[in-house]
N, C-alpha and C. Protein backbone atom coordinates (compact mmCIF):
# COMPACT_ATOMS: atom_id res chain seq x y z
N MET A 1 100.02 104.99 126.57
CA MET A 1 100.35 105.14 127.98
C MET A 1 100.00 106.57 128.40
N ARG A 2 99.21 106.68 129.43
CA ARG A 2 98.82 108.00 129.94
C ARG A 2 99.17 108.05 131.43
N ILE A 3 100.12 108.89 131.75
CA ILE A 3 100.55 109.06 133.14
C ILE A 3 100.09 110.45 133.57
N ASN A 4 99.31 110.50 134.65
CA ASN A 4 98.83 111.82 135.08
C ASN A 4 99.87 112.52 135.96
N ASP A 5 99.72 113.82 136.04
CA ASP A 5 100.67 114.65 136.79
C ASP A 5 100.73 114.29 138.26
N ARG A 6 99.65 113.80 138.81
CA ARG A 6 99.60 113.42 140.22
C ARG A 6 100.58 112.28 140.52
N ILE A 7 100.60 111.26 139.65
CA ILE A 7 101.52 110.14 139.84
C ILE A 7 102.97 110.62 139.76
N ILE A 8 103.24 111.50 138.80
CA ILE A 8 104.60 112.03 138.64
C ILE A 8 105.03 112.80 139.89
N ALA A 9 104.12 113.63 140.41
CA ALA A 9 104.43 114.42 141.60
C ALA A 9 104.67 113.51 142.81
N LEU A 10 103.84 112.48 142.96
CA LEU A 10 104.01 111.56 144.08
C LEU A 10 105.31 110.75 143.94
N CYS A 11 105.66 110.39 142.72
CA CYS A 11 106.93 109.67 142.50
C CYS A 11 108.11 110.55 142.89
N ALA A 12 108.02 111.84 142.60
CA ALA A 12 109.09 112.77 142.97
C ALA A 12 109.25 112.86 144.48
N LYS A 13 108.17 112.55 145.21
CA LYS A 13 108.21 112.56 146.68
C LYS A 13 108.50 111.16 147.24
N ASN A 14 108.96 110.25 146.39
CA ASN A 14 109.30 108.87 146.78
C ASN A 14 108.13 108.06 147.32
N ASP A 15 106.94 108.32 146.83
CA ASP A 15 105.76 107.53 147.20
C ASP A 15 105.85 106.17 146.50
N ARG A 16 106.00 105.10 147.27
CA ARG A 16 106.21 103.76 146.72
C ARG A 16 105.02 103.27 145.90
N LYS A 17 103.81 103.56 146.33
CA LYS A 17 102.63 103.13 145.58
C LYS A 17 102.58 103.82 144.21
N ALA A 18 102.90 105.09 144.18
CA ALA A 18 102.92 105.83 142.91
C ALA A 18 104.03 105.31 142.01
N GLN A 19 105.18 104.98 142.59
CA GLN A 19 106.29 104.44 141.80
C GLN A 19 105.91 103.10 141.19
N PHE A 20 105.24 102.27 141.99
CA PHE A 20 104.79 100.98 141.46
C PHE A 20 103.77 101.18 140.34
N GLU A 21 102.86 102.12 140.52
CA GLU A 21 101.85 102.41 139.49
C GLU A 21 102.53 102.92 138.21
N LEU A 22 103.51 103.78 138.35
CA LEU A 22 104.26 104.27 137.19
C LEU A 22 104.95 103.11 136.48
N TYR A 23 105.56 102.22 137.24
CA TYR A 23 106.21 101.04 136.68
C TYR A 23 105.20 100.20 135.91
N ARG A 24 104.06 99.95 136.51
CA ARG A 24 103.02 99.14 135.88
C ARG A 24 102.53 99.78 134.58
N LEU A 25 102.29 101.09 134.62
CA LEU A 25 101.77 101.79 133.44
C LEU A 25 102.78 101.91 132.31
N SER A 26 104.06 101.99 132.65
CA SER A 26 105.08 102.21 131.62
C SER A 26 105.83 100.94 131.23
N PHE A 27 105.55 99.83 131.90
CA PHE A 27 106.30 98.60 131.70
C PHE A 27 106.37 98.17 130.24
N SER A 28 105.23 98.02 129.57
CA SER A 28 105.25 97.48 128.20
C SER A 28 105.99 98.41 127.23
N THR A 29 105.82 99.71 127.39
CA THR A 29 106.52 100.67 126.53
C THR A 29 108.02 100.57 126.74
N LEU A 30 108.45 100.56 127.98
CA LEU A 30 109.89 100.52 128.29
C LEU A 30 110.50 99.16 127.96
N MET A 31 109.77 98.09 128.21
CA MET A 31 110.29 96.75 127.90
C MET A 31 110.45 96.59 126.40
N GLY A 32 109.56 97.18 125.62
CA GLY A 32 109.69 97.14 124.16
C GLY A 32 111.00 97.75 123.70
N ILE A 33 111.42 98.81 124.36
CA ILE A 33 112.71 99.44 124.04
C ILE A 33 113.85 98.52 124.46
N CYS A 34 113.78 97.99 125.66
CA CYS A 34 114.86 97.15 126.19
C CYS A 34 115.07 95.89 125.35
N ILE A 35 114.01 95.30 124.87
CA ILE A 35 114.13 94.08 124.07
C ILE A 35 114.85 94.36 122.76
N ARG A 36 114.73 95.58 122.25
CA ARG A 36 115.45 95.93 121.03
C ARG A 36 116.95 96.02 121.26
N TYR A 37 117.37 96.27 122.49
CA TYR A 37 118.79 96.47 122.78
C TYR A 37 119.44 95.31 123.49
N GLU A 38 118.68 94.38 123.98
CA GLU A 38 119.23 93.21 124.67
C GLU A 38 118.63 91.94 124.09
N GLU A 39 119.46 90.97 123.76
CA GLU A 39 119.00 89.73 123.15
C GLU A 39 118.23 88.86 124.14
N ASP A 40 118.73 88.75 125.34
CA ASP A 40 118.16 87.88 126.35
C ASP A 40 117.08 88.63 127.14
N LYS A 41 115.97 87.97 127.42
CA LYS A 41 114.87 88.63 128.14
C LYS A 41 115.27 89.01 129.57
N GLU A 42 116.12 88.21 130.19
CA GLU A 42 116.59 88.55 131.53
C GLU A 42 117.46 89.81 131.49
N ASP A 43 118.31 89.91 130.47
CA ASP A 43 119.14 91.10 130.31
C ASP A 43 118.27 92.32 130.01
N ALA A 44 117.21 92.11 129.22
CA ALA A 44 116.28 93.21 128.92
C ALA A 44 115.57 93.67 130.19
N ALA A 45 115.19 92.71 131.04
CA ALA A 45 114.53 93.06 132.31
C ALA A 45 115.50 93.81 133.23
N ALA A 46 116.76 93.38 133.24
CA ALA A 46 117.77 94.08 134.06
C ALA A 46 117.98 95.50 133.54
N LEU A 47 118.00 95.65 132.22
CA LEU A 47 118.14 96.97 131.62
C LEU A 47 116.93 97.84 131.98
N LEU A 48 115.74 97.26 131.92
CA LEU A 48 114.53 97.99 132.29
C LEU A 48 114.62 98.49 133.73
N ASN A 49 115.08 97.65 134.62
CA ASN A 49 115.18 98.06 136.02
C ASN A 49 116.21 99.17 136.23
N LYS A 50 117.35 99.08 135.53
CA LYS A 50 118.35 100.15 135.62
C LYS A 50 117.79 101.46 135.10
N GLY A 51 117.12 101.38 133.95
CA GLY A 51 116.54 102.59 133.36
C GLY A 51 115.43 103.16 134.21
N PHE A 52 114.60 102.29 134.78
CA PHE A 52 113.50 102.78 135.62
C PHE A 52 114.04 103.45 136.88
N LEU A 53 115.12 102.91 137.43
CA LEU A 53 115.74 103.55 138.58
C LEU A 53 116.24 104.95 138.21
N LYS A 54 116.82 105.09 137.02
CA LYS A 54 117.24 106.42 136.56
C LYS A 54 116.05 107.35 136.41
N ILE A 55 114.94 106.82 135.91
CA ILE A 55 113.72 107.63 135.77
C ILE A 55 113.29 108.13 137.14
N LEU A 56 113.23 107.23 138.11
CA LEU A 56 112.80 107.62 139.46
C LEU A 56 113.78 108.61 140.10
N ASN A 57 115.07 108.39 139.90
CA ASN A 57 116.07 109.29 140.49
C ASN A 57 116.05 110.68 139.87
N ASN A 58 115.56 110.79 138.64
CA ASN A 58 115.56 112.07 137.95
C ASN A 58 114.18 112.65 137.71
N ILE A 59 113.15 112.03 138.26
CA ILE A 59 111.79 112.47 137.98
C ILE A 59 111.53 113.89 138.49
N GLY A 60 112.27 114.30 139.49
CA GLY A 60 112.15 115.67 139.98
C GLY A 60 112.64 116.71 138.97
N LYS A 61 113.45 116.26 138.01
CA LYS A 61 113.96 117.16 136.97
C LYS A 61 113.07 117.21 135.74
N TYR A 62 112.03 116.38 135.72
CA TYR A 62 111.14 116.34 134.57
C TYR A 62 110.45 117.69 134.38
N ARG A 63 110.46 118.16 133.12
CA ARG A 63 109.80 119.42 132.76
C ARG A 63 108.51 119.11 132.01
N LYS A 64 107.44 119.77 132.37
CA LYS A 64 106.14 119.48 131.77
C LYS A 64 106.03 119.90 130.31
N ASP A 65 106.99 120.68 129.81
CA ASP A 65 106.93 121.09 128.40
C ASP A 65 107.35 119.96 127.46
N VAL A 66 107.86 118.86 128.01
CA VAL A 66 108.23 117.68 127.24
C VAL A 66 107.23 116.57 127.58
N PRO A 67 106.70 115.87 126.57
CA PRO A 67 105.79 114.76 126.89
C PRO A 67 106.50 113.72 127.76
N PHE A 68 105.81 113.29 128.80
CA PHE A 68 106.42 112.38 129.77
C PHE A 68 106.87 111.08 129.10
N GLU A 69 106.05 110.54 128.21
CA GLU A 69 106.41 109.29 127.53
C GLU A 69 107.71 109.45 126.74
N ALA A 70 107.86 110.56 126.05
CA ALA A 70 109.09 110.81 125.29
C ALA A 70 110.28 110.92 126.24
N TRP A 71 110.07 111.56 127.39
CA TRP A 71 111.14 111.74 128.37
C TRP A 71 111.62 110.40 128.91
N ILE A 72 110.69 109.50 129.29
CA ILE A 72 111.12 108.21 129.84
C ILE A 72 111.70 107.30 128.76
N LYS A 73 111.20 107.41 127.53
CA LYS A 73 111.78 106.63 126.44
C LYS A 73 113.23 107.03 126.20
N ARG A 74 113.48 108.33 126.23
CA ARG A 74 114.85 108.82 126.00
C ARG A 74 115.78 108.32 127.10
N ILE A 75 115.32 108.32 128.34
CA ILE A 75 116.14 107.81 129.44
C ILE A 75 116.43 106.33 129.22
N MET A 76 115.42 105.56 128.80
CA MET A 76 115.62 104.13 128.60
C MET A 76 116.56 103.86 127.43
N ILE A 77 116.43 104.60 126.36
CA ILE A 77 117.34 104.44 125.22
C ILE A 77 118.77 104.77 125.64
N ASN A 78 118.93 105.86 126.37
CA ASN A 78 120.27 106.24 126.84
C ASN A 78 120.85 105.20 127.79
N THR A 79 120.00 104.58 128.60
CA THR A 79 120.46 103.51 129.48
C THR A 79 120.96 102.33 128.66
N GLY A 80 120.23 102.00 127.59
CA GLY A 80 120.66 100.93 126.69
C GLY A 80 121.99 101.24 126.05
N ILE A 81 122.17 102.49 125.63
CA ILE A 81 123.43 102.91 125.02
C ILE A 81 124.56 102.83 126.04
N ASP A 82 124.30 103.28 127.26
CA ASP A 82 125.32 103.23 128.32
C ASP A 82 125.76 101.78 128.59
N GLU A 83 124.79 100.88 128.64
CA GLU A 83 125.12 99.47 128.88
C GLU A 83 125.91 98.89 127.71
N TYR A 84 125.53 99.26 126.52
CA TYR A 84 126.25 98.80 125.34
C TYR A 84 127.71 99.25 125.40
N ARG A 85 127.91 100.53 125.67
CA ARG A 85 129.29 101.05 125.75
C ARG A 85 130.08 100.38 126.86
N LYS A 86 129.42 100.17 127.99
CA LYS A 86 130.08 99.56 129.13
C LYS A 86 130.52 98.12 128.81
N ASN A 87 129.70 97.42 128.06
CA ASN A 87 129.97 96.01 127.77
C ASN A 87 130.76 95.78 126.49
N ARG A 88 130.96 96.81 125.74
CA ARG A 88 131.67 96.65 124.46
C ARG A 88 133.13 96.32 124.73
N LYS A 89 133.60 95.28 124.10
CA LYS A 89 134.96 94.83 124.35
C LYS A 89 135.99 95.60 123.54
N THR A 90 135.65 96.06 122.37
CA THR A 90 136.58 96.81 121.54
C THR A 90 136.04 98.21 121.31
N LYS A 91 136.94 99.14 121.10
CA LYS A 91 136.55 100.55 120.89
C LYS A 91 135.71 100.70 119.64
N GLU A 92 136.11 100.03 118.57
CA GLU A 92 135.36 100.15 117.33
C GLU A 92 135.57 98.90 116.50
N LEU A 93 134.48 98.35 116.03
CA LEU A 93 134.55 97.18 115.17
C LEU A 93 134.70 97.67 113.74
N VAL A 94 135.72 97.15 113.07
CA VAL A 94 135.95 97.55 111.69
C VAL A 94 135.38 96.46 110.80
N LEU A 95 134.42 96.82 110.01
CA LEU A 95 133.82 95.87 109.09
C LEU A 95 134.51 95.98 107.74
N ASN A 96 135.05 94.91 107.30
CA ASN A 96 135.68 94.89 105.99
C ASN A 96 134.70 94.29 105.00
N VAL A 97 133.70 95.06 104.68
CA VAL A 97 132.67 94.60 103.77
C VAL A 97 132.84 95.34 102.45
N ASP A 98 133.10 94.59 101.42
CA ASP A 98 133.21 95.17 100.10
C ASP A 98 131.88 94.91 99.40
N LEU A 99 130.98 95.87 99.50
CA LEU A 99 129.63 95.68 98.99
C LEU A 99 129.60 95.40 97.49
N GLU A 100 130.55 95.96 96.74
CA GLU A 100 130.55 95.75 95.29
C GLU A 100 130.85 94.30 94.93
N SER A 101 131.59 93.61 95.76
CA SER A 101 131.97 92.25 95.42
C SER A 101 130.98 91.21 95.94
N MET A 102 129.96 91.65 96.64
CA MET A 102 128.99 90.69 97.16
C MET A 102 128.22 90.04 96.01
N GLU A 103 128.03 88.76 96.13
CA GLU A 103 127.42 87.99 95.06
C GLU A 103 126.02 88.45 94.71
N TYR A 104 125.26 88.88 95.69
CA TYR A 104 123.87 89.24 95.41
C TYR A 104 123.76 90.42 94.45
N LEU A 105 124.79 91.26 94.36
CA LEU A 105 124.74 92.38 93.44
C LEU A 105 124.91 91.93 91.99
N ASN A 106 125.52 90.77 91.80
CA ASN A 106 125.76 90.28 90.46
C ASN A 106 124.62 89.42 89.92
N THR A 107 123.63 89.16 90.74
CA THR A 107 122.50 88.38 90.28
C THR A 107 121.26 89.25 90.28
N GLN A 108 120.41 88.99 89.34
CA GLN A 108 119.17 89.74 89.23
C GLN A 108 118.10 88.98 90.01
N VAL A 109 117.57 89.59 91.00
CA VAL A 109 116.51 89.00 91.79
C VAL A 109 115.34 89.97 91.79
N THR A 110 114.19 89.47 91.38
CA THR A 110 113.00 90.31 91.41
C THR A 110 112.19 89.89 92.62
N VAL A 111 111.93 90.85 93.47
CA VAL A 111 111.21 90.55 94.71
C VAL A 111 110.03 91.48 94.81
N ASP A 112 108.88 90.91 95.11
CA ASP A 112 107.69 91.70 95.37
C ASP A 112 107.65 91.91 96.89
N PHE A 113 107.95 93.13 97.34
CA PHE A 113 108.04 93.38 98.77
C PHE A 113 106.68 93.30 99.47
N ASN A 114 105.59 93.33 98.71
CA ASN A 114 104.28 93.08 99.31
C ASN A 114 104.18 91.63 99.77
N LEU A 115 104.82 90.71 99.02
CA LEU A 115 104.86 89.31 99.44
C LEU A 115 105.63 89.16 100.74
N ILE A 116 106.68 89.94 100.89
CA ILE A 116 107.47 89.88 102.13
C ILE A 116 106.58 90.27 103.30
N GLU A 117 105.83 91.36 103.16
CA GLU A 117 104.93 91.78 104.23
C GLU A 117 103.93 90.69 104.57
N ASP A 118 103.42 89.99 103.54
CA ASP A 118 102.43 88.94 103.76
C ASP A 118 103.03 87.71 104.44
N ASN A 119 104.30 87.42 104.18
CA ASN A 119 104.91 86.17 104.65
C ASN A 119 105.76 86.29 105.90
N ILE A 120 106.10 87.48 106.33
CA ILE A 120 106.97 87.66 107.49
C ILE A 120 106.14 88.16 108.66
N ASN A 121 106.26 87.48 109.79
CA ASN A 121 105.55 87.97 110.97
C ASN A 121 106.51 88.70 111.89
N VAL A 122 105.98 89.32 112.92
CA VAL A 122 106.78 90.15 113.81
C VAL A 122 107.89 89.34 114.49
N GLU A 123 107.59 88.12 114.89
CA GLU A 123 108.59 87.30 115.57
C GLU A 123 109.78 87.00 114.65
N GLU A 124 109.49 86.71 113.38
CA GLU A 124 110.57 86.44 112.43
C GLU A 124 111.42 87.69 112.22
N LEU A 125 110.77 88.84 112.12
CA LEU A 125 111.50 90.09 111.94
C LEU A 125 112.37 90.40 113.16
N GLU A 126 111.82 90.18 114.36
CA GLU A 126 112.61 90.39 115.58
C GLU A 126 113.81 89.44 115.61
N PHE A 127 113.59 88.19 115.19
CA PHE A 127 114.69 87.22 115.14
C PHE A 127 115.77 87.70 114.19
N MET A 128 115.36 88.22 113.03
CA MET A 128 116.33 88.71 112.05
C MET A 128 117.14 89.87 112.63
N LEU A 129 116.45 90.80 113.31
CA LEU A 129 117.16 91.92 113.94
C LEU A 129 118.13 91.43 114.99
N LYS A 130 117.72 90.47 115.79
CA LYS A 130 118.58 89.95 116.85
C LYS A 130 119.77 89.17 116.29
N SER A 131 119.64 88.67 115.07
CA SER A 131 120.75 87.89 114.49
C SER A 131 121.85 88.79 113.93
N LEU A 132 121.57 90.09 113.84
CA LEU A 132 122.61 91.02 113.38
C LEU A 132 123.71 91.13 114.43
N ASN A 133 124.90 91.43 113.97
CA ASN A 133 126.01 91.75 114.85
C ASN A 133 125.54 92.84 115.82
N LYS A 134 126.00 92.82 117.05
CA LYS A 134 125.53 93.75 118.09
C LYS A 134 125.71 95.21 117.66
N GLU A 135 126.81 95.54 117.04
CA GLU A 135 127.05 96.93 116.61
C GLU A 135 126.07 97.35 115.53
N LEU A 136 125.83 96.44 114.56
CA LEU A 136 124.88 96.73 113.49
C LEU A 136 123.48 96.91 114.05
N GLN A 137 123.11 96.02 114.96
CA GLN A 137 121.80 96.07 115.59
C GLN A 137 121.61 97.38 116.35
N MET A 138 122.61 97.80 117.09
CA MET A 138 122.53 99.03 117.87
C MET A 138 122.32 100.24 116.96
N VAL A 139 123.13 100.36 115.91
CA VAL A 139 123.01 101.49 115.00
C VAL A 139 121.67 101.45 114.27
N PHE A 140 121.25 100.27 113.81
CA PHE A 140 119.96 100.15 113.12
C PHE A 140 118.82 100.61 114.03
N ASN A 141 118.81 100.12 115.26
CA ASN A 141 117.75 100.51 116.21
C ASN A 141 117.76 102.01 116.46
N LEU A 142 118.93 102.56 116.72
CA LEU A 142 119.01 103.99 117.04
C LEU A 142 118.57 104.85 115.86
N TYR A 143 118.95 104.46 114.65
CA TYR A 143 118.64 105.28 113.48
C TYR A 143 117.20 105.05 112.99
N GLU A 144 116.87 103.80 112.71
CA GLU A 144 115.60 103.48 112.07
C GLU A 144 114.41 103.50 113.03
N ILE A 145 114.62 103.09 114.25
CA ILE A 145 113.49 102.96 115.17
C ILE A 145 113.39 104.15 116.12
N ASP A 146 114.53 104.57 116.66
CA ASP A 146 114.52 105.64 117.66
C ASP A 146 114.73 107.03 117.07
N GLY A 147 115.09 107.12 115.79
CA GLY A 147 115.15 108.41 115.11
C GLY A 147 116.37 109.27 115.39
N PHE A 148 117.46 108.67 115.85
CA PHE A 148 118.69 109.43 116.07
C PHE A 148 119.36 109.71 114.74
N SER A 149 120.09 110.81 114.65
CA SER A 149 120.88 111.11 113.46
C SER A 149 122.21 110.37 113.55
N HIS A 150 122.93 110.30 112.44
CA HIS A 150 124.24 109.64 112.47
C HIS A 150 125.20 110.38 113.39
N LYS A 151 125.10 111.69 113.45
CA LYS A 151 125.96 112.46 114.35
C LYS A 151 125.67 112.10 115.81
N GLU A 152 124.37 112.02 116.16
CA GLU A 152 124.00 111.66 117.53
C GLU A 152 124.47 110.24 117.86
N ILE A 153 124.30 109.32 116.92
CA ILE A 153 124.74 107.94 117.13
C ILE A 153 126.25 107.89 117.34
N ALA A 154 126.97 108.61 116.48
CA ALA A 154 128.44 108.63 116.58
C ALA A 154 128.87 109.16 117.94
N ASP A 155 128.24 110.24 118.39
CA ASP A 155 128.59 110.82 119.69
C ASP A 155 128.28 109.85 120.83
N LYS A 156 127.13 109.20 120.77
CA LYS A 156 126.71 108.32 121.86
C LYS A 156 127.52 107.03 121.93
N LEU A 157 127.90 106.50 120.75
CA LEU A 157 128.60 105.22 120.73
C LEU A 157 130.12 105.35 120.63
N GLY A 158 130.59 106.57 120.46
CA GLY A 158 132.03 106.77 120.36
C GLY A 158 132.61 106.25 119.06
N ILE A 159 131.85 106.38 117.98
CA ILE A 159 132.32 105.98 116.66
C ILE A 159 132.21 107.18 115.73
N SER A 160 132.73 107.06 114.54
CA SER A 160 132.62 108.17 113.58
C SER A 160 131.25 108.11 112.89
N GLU A 161 130.84 109.25 112.32
CA GLU A 161 129.59 109.27 111.56
C GLU A 161 129.67 108.32 110.38
N ARG A 162 130.84 108.25 109.76
CA ARG A 162 131.03 107.37 108.62
C ARG A 162 130.82 105.90 109.03
N THR A 163 131.34 105.55 110.19
CA THR A 163 131.16 104.19 110.69
C THR A 163 129.69 103.92 110.96
N SER A 164 128.99 104.89 111.54
CA SER A 164 127.56 104.75 111.78
C SER A 164 126.81 104.51 110.48
N LYS A 165 127.13 105.27 109.45
CA LYS A 165 126.48 105.10 108.14
C LYS A 165 126.80 103.74 107.55
N ARG A 166 128.05 103.30 107.69
CA ARG A 166 128.46 102.01 107.16
C ARG A 166 127.73 100.87 107.89
N TYR A 167 127.63 100.98 109.20
CA TYR A 167 126.91 99.96 109.97
C TYR A 167 125.44 99.91 109.55
N LEU A 168 124.83 101.08 109.37
CA LEU A 168 123.42 101.12 108.97
C LEU A 168 123.25 100.49 107.59
N SER A 169 124.12 100.83 106.67
CA SER A 169 124.05 100.27 105.32
C SER A 169 124.21 98.75 105.35
N THR A 170 125.16 98.28 106.12
CA THR A 170 125.39 96.84 106.23
C THR A 170 124.20 96.15 106.88
N ALA A 171 123.63 96.76 107.91
CA ALA A 171 122.46 96.19 108.58
C ALA A 171 121.28 96.10 107.60
N ARG A 172 121.04 97.17 106.87
CA ARG A 172 119.94 97.17 105.90
C ARG A 172 120.15 96.10 104.84
N THR A 173 121.37 96.00 104.32
CA THR A 173 121.68 95.01 103.29
C THR A 173 121.47 93.61 103.83
N THR A 174 121.96 93.35 105.01
CA THR A 174 121.83 92.03 105.62
C THR A 174 120.36 91.69 105.87
N LEU A 175 119.60 92.64 106.40
CA LEU A 175 118.18 92.40 106.64
C LEU A 175 117.43 92.18 105.33
N ARG A 176 117.77 92.96 104.31
CA ARG A 176 117.14 92.79 103.00
C ARG A 176 117.39 91.38 102.48
N GLU A 177 118.64 90.91 102.59
CA GLU A 177 118.98 89.56 102.14
C GLU A 177 118.19 88.51 102.92
N MET A 178 118.08 88.69 104.23
CA MET A 178 117.32 87.75 105.05
C MET A 178 115.85 87.73 104.64
N LEU A 179 115.29 88.91 104.40
CA LEU A 179 113.88 89.00 104.00
C LEU A 179 113.65 88.33 102.65
N ILE A 180 114.55 88.56 101.72
CA ILE A 180 114.42 87.94 100.40
C ILE A 180 114.53 86.42 100.53
N LYS A 181 115.51 85.98 101.30
CA LYS A 181 115.70 84.54 101.49
C LYS A 181 114.47 83.91 102.16
N ALA A 182 113.92 84.59 103.16
CA ALA A 182 112.74 84.07 103.86
C ALA A 182 111.54 84.01 102.92
N THR A 183 111.40 85.02 102.07
CA THR A 183 110.27 85.05 101.14
C THR A 183 110.42 83.99 100.08
N VAL A 184 111.63 83.85 99.52
CA VAL A 184 111.87 82.85 98.49
C VAL A 184 111.65 81.46 99.05
N SER A 185 112.14 81.18 100.26
CA SER A 185 111.97 79.85 100.84
C SER A 185 110.52 79.58 101.21
N SER A 186 109.76 80.60 101.63
CA SER A 186 108.35 80.36 101.95
C SER A 186 107.53 80.20 100.68
N ASP A 187 107.94 80.88 99.58
CA ASP A 187 107.25 80.71 98.30
C ASP A 187 107.49 79.31 97.75
N SER A 188 108.72 78.80 97.87
CA SER A 188 109.03 77.49 97.32
C SER A 188 108.38 76.37 98.14
N SER A 189 108.11 76.63 99.42
CA SER A 189 107.47 75.60 100.25
C SER A 189 105.99 75.47 99.95
N GLU A 190 105.43 76.44 99.24
CA GLU A 190 104.00 76.37 98.89
C GLU A 190 103.75 75.42 97.75
N TYR A 191 104.78 75.05 96.99
CA TYR A 191 104.59 74.19 95.81
C TYR A 191 104.70 72.75 96.14
């Protein structure tokens, strides 16, 4: 995505054509972020519109020393976090997961992760991410995809750093189990 300074300046002056052009040019990048934070495409589109409105309302504050794409991505991620906090029904979800007692730790499974790459497509991986508990999905996205630290995640979501780490660990474990299961089932279907 390449947005020139002229479009940014015109957007700051409320030029509707420039705003539409900015929306068109940034749509796929911003929608990719929204889809990671909202399960339903309509909710993702609503999130995109809220975030884009924030971008337009704050475009006059944009500093050229920061890449524009990074600036709008950060606004969209923060919009997703704000919506998550607003819609969260409980202050903090307590996961009572005793990882040592999980059955998969007691069995020896040899997995060739190159086979996983060969057998899993993007849609299946997105489905697996979406099947995670909302809290796990949020922490996984923020840490693994968006590059936030556990401290930043804890501050943004109103949870402790320890909880953030626990959610990430649980998300990784769950995804790993899903990937192994998908690979084993696709290998057995070949016979």
